[in-house]
Amino acid sequence: MSRERERIAVLATRLIRPGEVVMVDGGATTLHFARRLASELNDITVITNSYAVAMAAANNPSMTVVSCPGVFDRHEGAVIGPDAITFLARFNANHAVVGASGITREGPNEAHMGSAAVKRVMLERAQNRILVLDHSKFDKANVELVCPMTSIDHLVVDRAPTGELAGALQRARVEIVDGAEG
């Protein structure tokens, strides 16, 4: 899904402006986003629990990168746990950009419980909450609900969902930024 994730990254980067603070969690799609952000924008503060995201953002010398402490989860390539949660709760952000293992009509969900907690605090601390994921995650339920659909402002995807999921997004007033639109 590299091509789809790259398209999602392009679209999500358009939602960010120079001088803003962006919380970014770990994952394949958020890593594509961090790389695109570093190549296209300047003067961004990136707060992340992901070493890969931190390294990608640090490639742009104008970016300030803030890394979370915590327990390293090798499956996620990111830190999780109470230290990460407490640390993130100290900050305010213009945007949170998070991925998810799946999304159902209830909202985004996560296969790794420690990651779900990190995503929740990032979403709570941000003015604008952006979920980035590809269509393979549609209607996939995993172990833990990250948040209700109403806690998401933008869903950035490679193609728009249909059916029950599309209806739930519309009812929650989530703006869909669809990669198929050009």
N, C-alpha and C. Protein backbone atom coordinates (compact mmCIF):
# COMPACT_ATOMS: atom_id res chain seq x y z
N MET A 1 0.81 -1.21 0.00
CA MET A 1 0.00 0.00 0.00
C MET A 1 0.85 1.27 0.00
N SER A 2 2.08 1.18 -0.44
CA SER A 2 2.96 2.35 -0.42
C SER A 2 2.41 3.51 -1.25
N ARG A 3 1.91 3.22 -2.43
CA ARG A 3 1.38 4.29 -3.27
C ARG A 3 0.17 4.97 -2.63
N GLU A 4 -0.70 4.16 -2.04
CA GLU A 4 -1.88 4.72 -1.36
C GLU A 4 -1.46 5.55 -0.15
N ARG A 5 -0.51 5.05 0.61
CA ARG A 5 -0.06 5.78 1.80
C ARG A 5 0.64 7.08 1.43
N GLU A 6 1.36 7.07 0.34
CA GLU A 6 2.01 8.30 -0.11
C GLU A 6 0.97 9.35 -0.51
N ARG A 7 -0.07 8.92 -1.19
CA ARG A 7 -1.15 9.83 -1.58
C ARG A 7 -1.84 10.41 -0.34
N ILE A 8 -2.08 9.56 0.63
CA ILE A 8 -2.68 10.00 1.90
C ILE A 8 -1.78 11.05 2.56
N ALA A 9 -0.47 10.80 2.55
CA ALA A 9 0.49 11.74 3.14
C ALA A 9 0.44 13.10 2.46
N VAL A 10 0.36 13.10 1.15
CA VAL A 10 0.26 14.35 0.39
C VAL A 10 -0.98 15.13 0.83
N LEU A 11 -2.10 14.44 0.92
CA LEU A 11 -3.36 15.10 1.28
C LEU A 11 -3.34 15.60 2.72
N ALA A 12 -2.82 14.80 3.63
CA ALA A 12 -2.78 15.20 5.04
C ALA A 12 -1.85 16.39 5.25
N THR A 13 -0.74 16.43 4.52
CA THR A 13 0.20 17.54 4.66
C THR A 13 -0.46 18.86 4.27
N ARG A 14 -1.40 18.83 3.37
CA ARG A 14 -2.11 20.05 2.96
C ARG A 14 -2.93 20.66 4.09
N LEU A 15 -3.18 19.91 5.15
CA LEU A 15 -3.96 20.42 6.28
C LEU A 15 -3.10 21.16 7.30
N ILE A 16 -1.78 21.13 7.11
CA ILE A 16 -0.83 21.69 8.08
C ILE A 16 -0.22 22.98 7.53
N ARG A 17 0.05 23.94 8.40
CA ARG A 17 0.66 25.22 8.02
C ARG A 17 1.97 25.43 8.77
N PRO A 18 2.90 26.19 8.18
CA PRO A 18 4.15 26.50 8.87
C PRO A 18 3.88 27.13 10.24
N GLY A 19 4.73 26.80 11.19
CA GLY A 19 4.60 27.36 12.53
C GLY A 19 3.70 26.57 13.46
N GLU A 20 3.07 25.51 12.96
CA GLU A 20 2.13 24.76 13.79
C GLU A 20 2.81 23.62 14.55
N VAL A 21 2.09 23.13 15.55
CA VAL A 21 2.52 22.00 16.36
C VAL A 21 1.67 20.80 15.97
N VAL A 22 2.35 19.68 15.65
CA VAL A 22 1.66 18.49 15.17
C VAL A 22 2.11 17.29 16.00
N MET A 23 1.15 16.60 16.62
CA MET A 23 1.43 15.34 17.28
C MET A 23 1.23 14.23 16.24
N VAL A 24 2.18 13.31 16.15
CA VAL A 24 2.13 12.24 15.16
C VAL A 24 2.46 10.93 15.85
N ASP A 25 1.58 9.95 15.72
CA ASP A 25 1.86 8.65 16.33
C ASP A 25 2.63 7.76 15.36
N GLY A 26 2.98 6.57 15.82
CA GLY A 26 3.75 5.64 15.00
C GLY A 26 2.86 4.87 14.04
N GLY A 27 3.47 4.40 12.94
CA GLY A 27 2.77 3.58 11.98
C GLY A 27 3.27 3.85 10.58
N ALA A 28 2.92 2.98 9.66
CA ALA A 28 3.39 3.11 8.28
C ALA A 28 2.85 4.36 7.60
N THR A 29 1.57 4.62 7.75
CA THR A 29 0.98 5.78 7.08
C THR A 29 1.46 7.08 7.70
N THR A 30 1.59 7.12 9.03
CA THR A 30 2.08 8.33 9.67
C THR A 30 3.56 8.57 9.35
N LEU A 31 4.32 7.53 9.09
CA LEU A 31 5.70 7.71 8.67
C LEU A 31 5.75 8.34 7.28
N HIS A 32 4.91 7.90 6.37
CA HIS A 32 4.82 8.55 5.06
C HIS A 32 4.47 10.03 5.23
N PHE A 33 3.53 10.31 6.14
CA PHE A 33 3.13 11.69 6.42
C PHE A 33 4.32 12.50 6.93
N ALA A 34 5.08 11.96 7.89
CA ALA A 34 6.21 12.70 8.47
C ALA A 34 7.26 13.01 7.41
N ARG A 35 7.51 12.05 6.53
CA ARG A 35 8.48 12.30 5.45
C ARG A 35 8.00 13.42 4.53
N ARG A 36 6.74 13.40 4.18
CA ARG A 36 6.17 14.42 3.30
C ARG A 36 6.18 15.77 4.00
N LEU A 37 5.81 15.79 5.26
CA LEU A 37 5.80 17.03 6.04
C LEU A 37 7.20 17.65 6.05
N ALA A 38 8.22 16.84 6.30
CA ALA A 38 9.60 17.34 6.35
C ALA A 38 10.07 17.85 5.01
N SER A 39 9.56 17.29 3.92
CA SER A 39 10.02 17.73 2.60
C SER A 39 9.27 18.94 2.08
N GLU A 40 8.08 19.22 2.61
CA GLU A 40 7.26 20.30 2.06
C GLU A 40 7.08 21.52 2.94
N LEU A 41 7.21 21.37 4.25
CA LEU A 41 6.94 22.50 5.14
C LEU A 41 8.13 22.79 6.03
N ASN A 42 8.15 24.00 6.56
CA ASN A 42 9.20 24.42 7.48
C ASN A 42 8.58 24.92 8.77
N ASP A 43 9.43 24.99 9.79
CA ASP A 43 9.04 25.57 11.08
C ASP A 43 7.85 24.87 11.72
N ILE A 44 7.86 23.56 11.69
CA ILE A 44 6.84 22.74 12.34
C ILE A 44 7.45 22.14 13.60
N THR A 45 6.68 22.06 14.66
CA THR A 45 7.08 21.30 15.83
C THR A 45 6.35 19.97 15.76
N VAL A 46 7.10 18.88 15.76
CA VAL A 46 6.54 17.54 15.71
C VAL A 46 6.75 16.88 17.07
N ILE A 47 5.67 16.45 17.68
CA ILE A 47 5.73 15.72 18.95
C ILE A 47 5.30 14.30 18.62
N THR A 48 6.17 13.33 18.93
CA THR A 48 5.89 11.96 18.50
C THR A 48 6.38 10.93 19.51
N ASN A 49 5.75 9.77 19.46
CA ASN A 49 6.20 8.62 20.24
C ASN A 49 6.96 7.63 19.35
N SER A 50 7.14 7.97 18.07
CA SER A 50 7.74 7.07 17.09
C SER A 50 9.16 7.51 16.74
N TYR A 51 10.11 6.60 16.87
CA TYR A 51 11.48 6.93 16.49
C TYR A 51 11.59 7.19 15.00
N ALA A 52 10.89 6.41 14.18
CA ALA A 52 10.96 6.60 12.72
C ALA A 52 10.38 7.95 12.32
N VAL A 53 9.27 8.34 12.93
CA VAL A 53 8.67 9.65 12.64
C VAL A 53 9.62 10.76 13.08
N ALA A 54 10.23 10.62 14.24
CA ALA A 54 11.18 11.62 14.73
C ALA A 54 12.35 11.78 13.76
N MET A 55 12.89 10.67 13.29
CA MET A 55 14.02 10.72 12.35
C MET A 55 13.61 11.35 11.02
N ALA A 56 12.43 11.02 10.54
CA ALA A 56 11.95 11.59 9.27
C ALA A 56 11.78 13.10 9.40
N ALA A 57 11.16 13.56 10.48
CA ALA A 57 10.95 14.99 10.68
C ALA A 57 12.28 15.72 10.88
N ALA A 58 13.22 15.06 11.54
CA ALA A 58 14.51 15.69 11.82
C ALA A 58 15.35 15.90 10.57
N ASN A 59 14.97 15.30 9.46
CA ASN A 59 15.68 15.54 8.20
C ASN A 59 15.52 16.98 7.73
N ASN A 60 14.52 17.67 8.25
CA ASN A 60 14.32 19.08 7.94
C ASN A 60 14.87 19.90 9.12
N PRO A 61 15.97 20.62 8.94
CA PRO A 61 16.59 21.33 10.06
C PRO A 61 15.72 22.44 10.65
N SER A 62 14.68 22.85 9.96
CA SER A 62 13.81 23.90 10.51
C SER A 62 12.76 23.33 11.47
N MET A 63 12.66 22.01 11.55
CA MET A 63 11.66 21.39 12.40
C MET A 63 12.21 21.14 13.79
N THR A 64 11.34 21.34 14.76
CA THR A 64 11.65 20.98 16.14
C THR A 64 10.99 19.64 16.38
N VAL A 65 11.76 18.67 16.84
CA VAL A 65 11.22 17.33 17.09
C VAL A 65 11.28 17.04 18.59
N VAL A 66 10.14 16.68 19.15
CA VAL A 66 10.02 16.35 20.56
C VAL A 66 9.63 14.88 20.65
N SER A 67 10.44 14.08 21.34
CA SER A 67 10.21 12.65 21.46
C SER A 67 9.72 12.30 22.85
N CYS A 68 8.80 11.35 22.88
CA CYS A 68 8.23 10.87 24.15
C CYS A 68 9.16 9.87 24.83
N PRO A 69 9.15 9.88 26.15
CA PRO A 69 9.77 8.78 26.88
C PRO A 69 8.76 7.63 26.95
N GLY A 70 9.21 6.50 27.36
CA GLY A 70 8.29 5.38 27.54
C GLY A 70 8.94 4.05 27.24
N VAL A 71 8.13 3.02 27.26
CA VAL A 71 8.56 1.66 27.00
C VAL A 71 8.49 1.42 25.49
N PHE A 72 9.60 1.00 24.89
CA PHE A 72 9.64 0.77 23.46
C PHE A 72 8.88 -0.51 23.11
N ASP A 73 7.93 -0.37 22.20
CA ASP A 73 7.17 -1.50 21.67
C ASP A 73 7.74 -1.83 20.30
N ARG A 74 8.45 -2.94 20.18
CA ARG A 74 9.13 -3.28 18.94
C ARG A 74 8.16 -3.55 17.80
N HIS A 75 6.94 -3.98 18.11
CA HIS A 75 5.95 -4.23 17.05
C HIS A 75 5.47 -2.93 16.42
N GLU A 76 5.39 -1.90 17.22
CA GLU A 76 4.92 -0.61 16.74
C GLU A 76 6.06 0.34 16.36
N GLY A 77 7.25 0.07 16.85
CA GLY A 77 8.38 0.96 16.59
C GLY A 77 8.19 2.30 17.28
N ALA A 78 7.54 2.27 18.42
CA ALA A 78 7.20 3.50 19.13
C ALA A 78 7.17 3.22 20.64
N VAL A 79 7.20 4.29 21.40
CA VAL A 79 7.08 4.14 22.85
C VAL A 79 5.63 4.26 23.28
N ILE A 80 5.31 3.51 24.32
CA ILE A 80 3.97 3.50 24.88
C ILE A 80 4.09 3.52 26.39
N GLY A 81 2.99 3.45 27.08
CA GLY A 81 2.99 3.33 28.53
C GLY A 81 2.72 4.63 29.24
N PRO A 82 2.67 4.56 30.58
CA PRO A 82 2.30 5.73 31.38
C PRO A 82 3.23 6.92 31.22
N ASP A 83 4.53 6.68 31.04
CA ASP A 83 5.45 7.81 30.86
C ASP A 83 5.12 8.58 29.58
N ALA A 84 4.83 7.86 28.51
CA ALA A 84 4.46 8.51 27.24
C ALA A 84 3.16 9.29 27.39
N ILE A 85 2.18 8.69 28.04
CA ILE A 85 0.87 9.33 28.23
C ILE A 85 1.01 10.61 29.05
N THR A 86 1.70 10.54 30.16
CA THR A 86 1.89 11.72 31.03
C THR A 86 2.65 12.81 30.29
N PHE A 87 3.67 12.43 29.55
CA PHE A 87 4.46 13.38 28.78
C PHE A 87 3.59 14.10 27.75
N LEU A 88 2.83 13.35 26.95
CA LEU A 88 2.00 13.94 25.90
C LEU A 88 0.93 14.88 26.46
N ALA A 89 0.43 14.56 27.64
CA ALA A 89 -0.64 15.36 28.25
C ALA A 89 -0.17 16.77 28.61
N ARG A 90 1.12 17.02 28.59
CA ARG A 90 1.67 18.35 28.91
C ARG A 90 1.54 19.33 27.76
N PHE A 91 1.33 18.85 26.56
CA PHE A 91 1.43 19.69 25.36
C PHE A 91 0.07 20.01 24.76
N ASN A 92 0.04 21.15 24.07
CA ASN A 92 -1.09 21.52 23.23
C ASN A 92 -0.61 21.44 21.79
N ALA A 93 -1.48 21.01 20.89
CA ALA A 93 -1.09 20.88 19.49
C ALA A 93 -2.19 21.45 18.60
N ASN A 94 -1.76 21.97 17.47
CA ASN A 94 -2.74 22.39 16.46
C ASN A 94 -3.41 21.17 15.84
N HIS A 95 -2.60 20.11 15.64
CA HIS A 95 -3.12 18.91 14.96
C HIS A 95 -2.59 17.66 15.64
N ALA A 96 -3.40 16.61 15.62
CA ALA A 96 -2.94 15.25 15.91
C ALA A 96 -3.16 14.47 14.63
N VAL A 97 -2.14 13.78 14.18
CA VAL A 97 -2.24 12.92 13.00
C VAL A 97 -1.95 11.51 13.47
N VAL A 98 -2.99 10.68 13.46
CA VAL A 98 -2.86 9.31 13.95
C VAL A 98 -3.38 8.33 12.91
N GLY A 99 -2.84 7.15 12.97
CA GLY A 99 -3.33 6.04 12.16
C GLY A 99 -4.17 5.12 13.04
N ALA A 100 -4.60 4.02 12.48
CA ALA A 100 -5.38 3.03 13.23
C ALA A 100 -5.27 1.68 12.52
N SER A 101 -5.48 0.63 13.29
CA SER A 101 -5.48 -0.72 12.70
C SER A 101 -6.75 -0.99 11.92
N GLY A 102 -7.81 -0.26 12.29
CA GLY A 102 -9.08 -0.43 11.62
C GLY A 102 -10.03 0.69 11.95
N ILE A 103 -11.15 0.71 11.23
CA ILE A 103 -12.21 1.68 11.52
C ILE A 103 -13.55 1.01 11.22
N THR A 104 -14.48 1.16 12.17
CA THR A 104 -15.85 0.68 12.00
C THR A 104 -16.78 1.85 12.25
N ARG A 105 -18.05 1.60 12.19
CA ARG A 105 -19.01 2.69 12.42
C ARG A 105 -18.89 3.29 13.82
N GLU A 106 -18.28 2.56 14.75
CA GLU A 106 -18.07 3.09 16.10
C GLU A 106 -16.92 4.10 16.16
N GLY A 107 -15.90 3.90 15.30
CA GLY A 107 -14.74 4.77 15.30
C GLY A 107 -13.48 3.98 15.00
N PRO A 108 -12.33 4.66 15.07
CA PRO A 108 -11.07 3.97 14.82
C PRO A 108 -10.74 3.02 15.97
N ASN A 109 -10.05 1.94 15.63
CA ASN A 109 -9.69 0.96 16.64
C ASN A 109 -8.25 0.52 16.43
N GLU A 110 -7.72 -0.16 17.42
CA GLU A 110 -6.30 -0.48 17.41
C GLU A 110 -6.07 -1.92 17.87
N ALA A 111 -5.14 -2.59 17.21
CA ALA A 111 -4.76 -3.95 17.57
C ALA A 111 -3.85 -3.98 18.80
N HIS A 112 -3.10 -2.90 19.03
CA HIS A 112 -2.17 -2.83 20.16
C HIS A 112 -2.71 -1.86 21.21
N MET A 113 -3.05 -2.38 22.37
CA MET A 113 -3.72 -1.58 23.39
C MET A 113 -2.87 -0.40 23.87
N GLY A 114 -1.58 -0.58 24.02
CA GLY A 114 -0.73 0.54 24.45
C GLY A 114 -0.74 1.68 23.45
N SER A 115 -0.82 1.33 22.18
CA SER A 115 -0.88 2.36 21.13
C SER A 115 -2.20 3.11 21.16
N ALA A 116 -3.26 2.43 21.50
CA ALA A 116 -4.58 3.08 21.56
C ALA A 116 -4.58 4.21 22.59
N ALA A 117 -3.95 3.98 23.72
CA ALA A 117 -3.90 5.00 24.77
C ALA A 117 -3.11 6.23 24.31
N VAL A 118 -2.02 6.01 23.59
CA VAL A 118 -1.21 7.12 23.07
C VAL A 118 -2.04 7.93 22.07
N LYS A 119 -2.72 7.25 21.17
CA LYS A 119 -3.56 7.93 20.18
C LYS A 119 -4.63 8.78 20.87
N ARG A 120 -5.25 8.21 21.90
CA ARG A 120 -6.31 8.94 22.61
C ARG A 120 -5.81 10.25 23.18
N VAL A 121 -4.65 10.22 23.86
CA VAL A 121 -4.15 11.46 24.47
C VAL A 121 -3.74 12.46 23.40
N MET A 122 -3.16 11.99 22.29
CA MET A 122 -2.82 12.91 21.20
C MET A 122 -4.08 13.59 20.66
N LEU A 123 -5.12 12.83 20.45
CA LEU A 123 -6.38 13.39 19.94
C LEU A 123 -6.99 14.38 20.93
N GLU A 124 -6.89 14.07 22.22
CA GLU A 124 -7.45 14.96 23.25
C GLU A 124 -6.71 16.29 23.33
N ARG A 125 -5.41 16.30 23.04
CA ARG A 125 -4.58 17.50 23.20
C ARG A 125 -4.52 18.36 21.94
N ALA A 126 -5.20 17.96 20.88
CA ALA A 126 -5.12 18.69 19.61
C ALA A 126 -6.42 19.42 19.28
N GLN A 127 -6.28 20.55 18.62
CA GLN A 127 -7.44 21.31 18.15
C GLN A 127 -8.09 20.63 16.94
N ASN A 128 -7.28 20.05 16.07
CA ASN A 128 -7.75 19.42 14.84
C ASN A 128 -7.25 17.98 14.84
N ARG A 129 -8.19 17.05 14.72
CA ARG A 129 -7.85 15.63 14.85
C ARG A 129 -8.00 14.93 13.50
N ILE A 130 -6.86 14.41 13.02
CA ILE A 130 -6.77 13.85 11.67
C ILE A 130 -6.45 12.36 11.78
N LEU A 131 -7.30 11.54 11.18
CA LEU A 131 -7.06 10.10 11.10
C LEU A 131 -6.63 9.78 9.68
N VAL A 132 -5.49 9.11 9.54
CA VAL A 132 -4.96 8.73 8.23
C VAL A 132 -4.94 7.21 8.13
N LEU A 133 -5.58 6.68 7.10
CA LEU A 133 -5.54 5.24 6.89
C LEU A 133 -5.98 4.88 5.48
N ASP A 134 -5.54 3.72 5.02
CA ASP A 134 -5.91 3.28 3.68
C ASP A 134 -7.18 2.42 3.75
N HIS A 135 -7.76 2.18 2.58
CA HIS A 135 -9.05 1.51 2.49
C HIS A 135 -9.06 0.08 3.03
N SER A 136 -7.89 -0.55 3.16
CA SER A 136 -7.85 -1.93 3.68
C SER A 136 -8.27 -1.99 5.15
N LYS A 137 -8.32 -0.84 5.82
CA LYS A 137 -8.69 -0.79 7.24
C LYS A 137 -10.20 -0.60 7.45
N PHE A 138 -10.94 -0.33 6.36
CA PHE A 138 -12.38 -0.08 6.47
C PHE A 138 -13.10 -1.33 7.00
N ASP A 139 -14.01 -1.10 7.95
CA ASP A 139 -14.86 -2.15 8.52
C ASP A 139 -14.06 -3.26 9.19
N LYS A 140 -12.87 -2.93 9.68
CA LYS A 140 -12.04 -3.88 10.43
C LYS A 140 -12.11 -3.52 11.90
N ALA A 141 -12.53 -4.48 12.71
CA ALA A 141 -12.60 -4.27 14.16
C ALA A 141 -11.40 -4.94 14.81
N ASN A 142 -10.74 -4.23 15.69
CA ASN A 142 -9.62 -4.76 16.45
C ASN A 142 -9.93 -4.66 17.93
N VAL A 143 -9.01 -5.05 18.76
CA VAL A 143 -9.27 -5.26 20.17
C VAL A 143 -9.76 -4.01 20.91
N GLU A 144 -9.27 -2.82 20.58
CA GLU A 144 -9.62 -1.66 21.39
C GLU A 144 -10.08 -0.48 20.55
N LEU A 145 -11.22 0.08 20.93
CA LEU A 145 -11.72 1.30 20.32
C LEU A 145 -10.84 2.46 20.78
N VAL A 146 -10.33 3.24 19.84
CA VAL A 146 -9.49 4.39 20.18
C VAL A 146 -10.35 5.54 20.68
N CYS A 147 -11.42 5.84 19.94
CA CYS A 147 -12.29 6.95 20.30
C CYS A 147 -13.58 6.83 19.49
N PRO A 148 -14.63 7.54 19.91
CA PRO A 148 -15.83 7.56 19.08
C PRO A 148 -15.56 8.34 17.79
N MET A 149 -16.36 8.06 16.80
CA MET A 149 -16.20 8.73 15.50
C MET A 149 -16.25 10.25 15.63
N THR A 150 -17.03 10.74 16.57
CA THR A 150 -17.18 12.19 16.76
C THR A 150 -15.90 12.86 17.26
N SER A 151 -14.90 12.07 17.65
CA SER A 151 -13.62 12.63 18.10
C SER A 151 -12.64 12.83 16.96
N ILE A 152 -13.07 12.60 15.73
CA ILE A 152 -12.24 12.78 14.55
C ILE A 152 -12.80 13.95 13.73
N ASP A 153 -11.92 14.84 13.28
CA ASP A 153 -12.34 15.96 12.43
C ASP A 153 -12.18 15.65 10.95
N HIS A 154 -11.07 15.00 10.60
CA HIS A 154 -10.76 14.69 9.20
C HIS A 154 -10.35 13.22 9.09
N LEU A 155 -10.87 12.55 8.09
CA LEU A 155 -10.42 11.22 7.73
C LEU A 155 -9.75 11.35 6.36
N VAL A 156 -8.44 11.10 6.32
CA VAL A 156 -7.69 11.21 5.08
C VAL A 156 -7.42 9.79 4.58
N VAL A 157 -7.97 9.49 3.41
CA VAL A 157 -7.95 8.12 2.88
C VAL A 157 -7.60 8.11 1.39
N ASP A 158 -7.22 6.95 0.91
CA ASP A 158 -6.93 6.81 -0.52
C ASP A 158 -8.20 6.70 -1.35
N ARG A 159 -9.26 6.21 -0.75
CA ARG A 159 -10.57 6.22 -1.40
C ARG A 159 -11.66 6.25 -0.34
N ALA A 160 -12.74 6.90 -0.66
CA ALA A 160 -13.81 7.13 0.31
C ALA A 160 -14.51 5.83 0.69
N PRO A 161 -14.86 5.70 1.96
CA PRO A 161 -15.63 4.53 2.37
C PRO A 161 -17.06 4.61 1.84
N THR A 162 -17.72 3.47 1.84
CA THR A 162 -19.11 3.39 1.39
C THR A 162 -19.94 2.71 2.47
N GLY A 163 -21.22 2.61 2.21
CA GLY A 163 -22.13 1.86 3.08
C GLY A 163 -22.28 2.42 4.47
N GLU A 164 -22.36 1.50 5.42
CA GLU A 164 -22.60 1.85 6.82
C GLU A 164 -21.49 2.74 7.38
N LEU A 165 -20.25 2.47 7.00
CA LEU A 165 -19.14 3.29 7.48
C LEU A 165 -19.25 4.73 6.97
N ALA A 166 -19.60 4.89 5.72
CA ALA A 166 -19.78 6.24 5.16
C ALA A 166 -20.89 6.97 5.89
N GLY A 167 -21.96 6.28 6.20
CA GLY A 167 -23.07 6.89 6.93
C GLY A 167 -22.67 7.32 8.33
N ALA A 168 -21.91 6.50 9.02
CA ALA A 168 -21.45 6.85 10.37
C ALA A 168 -20.54 8.07 10.34
N LEU A 169 -19.66 8.13 9.35
CA LEU A 169 -18.78 9.30 9.21
C LEU A 169 -19.59 10.57 8.94
N GLN A 170 -20.59 10.46 8.10
CA GLN A 170 -21.43 11.62 7.79
C GLN A 170 -22.19 12.08 9.03
N ARG A 171 -22.75 11.14 9.77
CA ARG A 171 -23.49 11.50 10.99
C ARG A 171 -22.58 12.17 12.02
N ALA A 172 -21.33 11.74 12.09
CA ALA A 172 -20.37 12.31 13.03
C ALA A 172 -19.75 13.61 12.51
N ARG A 173 -20.11 14.00 11.30
CA ARG A 173 -19.60 15.21 10.67
C ARG A 173 -18.08 15.20 10.48
N VAL A 174 -17.56 14.03 10.13
CA VAL A 174 -16.14 13.89 9.81
C VAL A 174 -15.94 14.29 8.36
N GLU A 175 -15.01 15.19 8.12
CA GLU A 175 -14.68 15.58 6.75
C GLU A 175 -13.80 14.50 6.14
N ILE A 176 -14.22 13.97 5.01
CA ILE A 176 -13.43 12.95 4.33
C ILE A 176 -12.58 13.63 3.25
N VAL A 177 -11.28 13.43 3.36
CA VAL A 177 -10.34 13.92 2.36
C VAL A 177 -9.93 12.68 1.59
N ASP A 178 -10.41 12.59 0.37
CA ASP A 178 -10.34 11.37 -0.43
C ASP A 178 -9.27 11.48 -1.49
N GLY A 179 -8.33 10.56 -1.48
CA GLY A 179 -7.24 10.54 -2.45
C GLY A 179 -7.67 10.33 -3.88
N ALA A 180 -8.85 9.82 -4.09
CA ALA A 180 -9.35 9.58 -5.45
C ALA A 180 -9.83 10.87 -6.12
N GLU A 181 -9.93 11.93 -5.33
CA GLU A 181 -10.45 13.18 -5.87
C GLU A 181 -9.43 13.95 -6.68
N GLY A 182 -8.21 13.48 -6.75
CA GLY A 182 -7.19 14.19 -7.54
C GLY A 182 -6.24 14.84 -6.70
